[in-house]
Structure formats: C-alpha cells, structure tokens
Amino acid sequence: MRSLAVLITLFLIPLAGSAQSYQFFNFGVAEGLCDKFAYTINQDPEGFLWVGTGQGLCRFDGKAFDQEFKGD
C-alpha cells in the first residue's frame, strides 16, 4: 500500500508544477524588416535588437523596426 502511494505521488508531482509559456511572433518585410532573410540578431545593453540582413542593419525597439538610424 505504501509503494502505491509513493508511485501515485511520483506521477502527480510533474502535474503540480507550472511551466513557463512562451510567445513567438514572426516579423517580415511587411512589418518593417529590411529583408526577408535575417543572418544575425544581437541585443545591445539598452535592449534594442539589431538584425543583420542582406539589405543592411535594422534596429528593433520592441514595437517597430528602424533602418534610418544615426550610426558611428
């Protein structure tokens, strides 16, 4: 009887844990990305995502892409 209780507990423990859910979004040329192929993505210390494409570099601020930025 004790082993049955342990077995049931071992099966119920994973059900009690809550997993993190992720949300994925697709971005393309229609959303403002420079090109339909992205070759690299990096995040700077300010939180901007920099996307390297075949047409140039795009900056994503979490809402929109910008390719008209003042670089160095």
C-alpha atoms as a PDB file:
ATOM      1  CA  MET A   1       0.000   0.000   0.000  1.00  0.00           C
ATOM      2  CA  ARG A   2       2.847   2.388   0.806  1.00  0.00           C
ATOM      3  CA  SER A   3       4.525   1.776  -2.547  1.00  0.00           C
ATOM      4  CA  LEU A   4       1.261   2.572  -4.328  1.00  0.00           C
ATOM      5  CA  ALA A   5       1.043   5.916  -2.526  1.00  0.00           C
ATOM      6  CA  VAL A   6       4.658   6.705  -3.448  1.00  0.00           C
ATOM      7  CA  LEU A   7       4.012   5.734  -7.064  1.00  0.00           C
ATOM      8  CA  ILE A   8       0.920   7.928  -7.300  1.00  0.00           C
ATOM      9  CA  THR A   9       2.809  10.835  -5.711  1.00  0.00           C
ATOM     10  CA  LEU A  10       5.647  10.482  -8.216  1.00  0.00           C
ATOM     11  CA  PHE A  11       3.168  10.680 -11.091  1.00  0.00           C
ATOM     12  CA  LEU A  12       1.323  13.690  -9.654  1.00  0.00           C
ATOM     13  CA  ILE A  13       4.369  15.861  -8.841  1.00  0.00           C
ATOM     14  CA  PRO A  14       5.016  16.869 -12.503  1.00  0.00           C
ATOM     15  CA  LEU A  15       1.360  17.818 -12.913  1.00  0.00           C
ATOM     16  CA  ALA A  16       1.516  20.176  -9.941  1.00  0.00           C
ATOM     17  CA  GLY A  17       4.439  22.187 -11.342  1.00  0.00           C
ATOM     18  CA  SER A  18       3.664  25.132 -13.541  1.00  0.00           C
ATOM     19  CA  ALA A  19       5.644  25.619 -16.717  1.00  0.00           C
ATOM     20  CA  GLN A  20       6.559  28.901 -18.319  1.00  0.00           C
ATOM     21  CA  SER A  21       4.716  29.699 -21.521  1.00  0.00           C
ATOM     22  CA  TYR A  22       6.456  31.382 -24.431  1.00  0.00           C
ATOM     23  CA  GLN A  23       5.035  33.598 -27.140  1.00  0.00           C
ATOM     24  CA  PHE A  24       6.614  33.709 -30.573  1.00  0.00           C
ATOM     25  CA  PHE A  25       5.999  36.347 -33.223  1.00  0.00           C
ATOM     26  CA  ASN A  26       7.038  36.313 -36.870  1.00  0.00           C
ATOM     27  CA  PHE A  27       8.358  39.502 -38.423  1.00  0.00           C
ATOM     28  CA  GLY A  28       8.952  40.093 -42.090  1.00  0.00           C
ATOM     29  CA  VAL A  29       9.199  42.789 -44.702  1.00  0.00           C
ATOM     30  CA  ALA A  30       5.552  43.744 -44.170  1.00  0.00           C
ATOM     31  CA  GLU A  31       6.311  44.578 -40.524  1.00  0.00           C
ATOM     32  CA  GLY A  32       9.296  46.778 -41.461  1.00  0.00           C
ATOM     33  CA  LEU A  33      12.217  44.347 -41.522  1.00  0.00           C
ATOM     34  CA  CYS A  34      14.859  45.330 -44.104  1.00  0.00           C
ATOM     35  CA  ASP A  35      14.942  41.969 -45.880  1.00  0.00           C
ATOM     36  CA  LYS A  36      13.154  38.639 -45.646  1.00  0.00           C
ATOM     37  CA  PHE A  37      16.353  36.851 -44.541  1.00  0.00           C
ATOM     38  CA  ALA A  38      17.977  37.628 -41.189  1.00  0.00           C
ATOM     39  CA  TYR A  39      21.547  36.378 -40.785  1.00  0.00           C
ATOM     40  CA  THR A  40      22.301  37.538 -37.264  1.00  0.00           C
ATOM     41  CA  ILE A  41      20.478  39.009 -34.269  1.00  0.00           C
ATOM     42  CA  ASN A  42      22.175  40.729 -31.322  1.00  0.00           C
ATOM     43  CA  GLN A  43      20.915  42.710 -28.339  1.00  0.00           C
ATOM     44  CA  ASP A  44      22.720  45.814 -27.121  1.00  0.00           C
ATOM     45  CA  PRO A  45      22.929  46.990 -23.475  1.00  0.00           C
ATOM     46  CA  GLU A  46      19.979  49.374 -23.988  1.00  0.00           C
ATOM     47  CA  GLY A  47      17.696  46.482 -25.008  1.00  0.00           C
ATOM     48  CA  PHE A  48      17.498  47.115 -28.751  1.00  0.00           C
ATOM     49  CA  LEU A  49      17.654  44.099 -31.055  1.00  0.00           C
ATOM     50  CA  TRP A  50      19.944  44.548 -34.040  1.00  0.00           C
ATOM     51  CA  VAL A  51      19.085  42.369 -37.025  1.00  0.00           C
ATOM     52  CA  GLY A  52      21.682  41.865 -39.743  1.00  0.00           C
ATOM     53  CA  THR A  53      20.110  41.198 -43.140  1.00  0.00           C
ATOM     54  CA  GLY A  54      21.295  41.086 -46.719  1.00  0.00           C
ATOM     55  CA  GLN A  55      19.981  44.635 -47.250  1.00  0.00           C
ATOM     56  CA  GLY A  56      21.594  46.162 -44.169  1.00  0.00           C
ATOM     57  CA  LEU A  57      21.192  46.549 -40.444  1.00  0.00           C
ATOM     58  CA  CYS A  58      17.800  47.029 -38.769  1.00  0.00           C
ATOM     59  CA  ARG A  59      17.112  48.049 -35.173  1.00  0.00           C
ATOM     60  CA  PHE A  60      14.052  46.685 -33.362  1.00  0.00           C
ATOM     61  CA  ASP A  61      12.808  48.550 -30.280  1.00  0.00           C
ATOM     62  CA  GLY A  62      10.102  46.043 -29.323  1.00  0.00           C
ATOM     63  CA  LYS A  63       7.416  47.679 -31.446  1.00  0.00           C
ATOM     64  CA  ALA A  64       8.836  48.648 -34.820  1.00  0.00           C
ATOM     65  CA  PHE A  65      11.909  48.260 -36.995  1.00  0.00           C
ATOM     66  CA  ASP A  66      14.083  51.238 -37.827  1.00  0.00           C
ATOM     67  CA  GLN A  67      16.749  51.298 -40.504  1.00  0.00           C
ATOM     68  CA  GLU A  68      17.178  55.079 -40.592  1.00  0.00           C
ATOM     69  CA  PHE A  69      19.414  55.402 -37.544  1.00  0.00           C
ATOM     70  CA  LYS A  70      22.469  57.530 -36.990  1.00  0.00           C
ATOM     71  CA  GLY A  71      25.399  55.148 -36.587  1.00  0.00           C
ATOM     72  CA  ASP A  72      29.020  55.957 -35.873  1.00  0.00           C
END
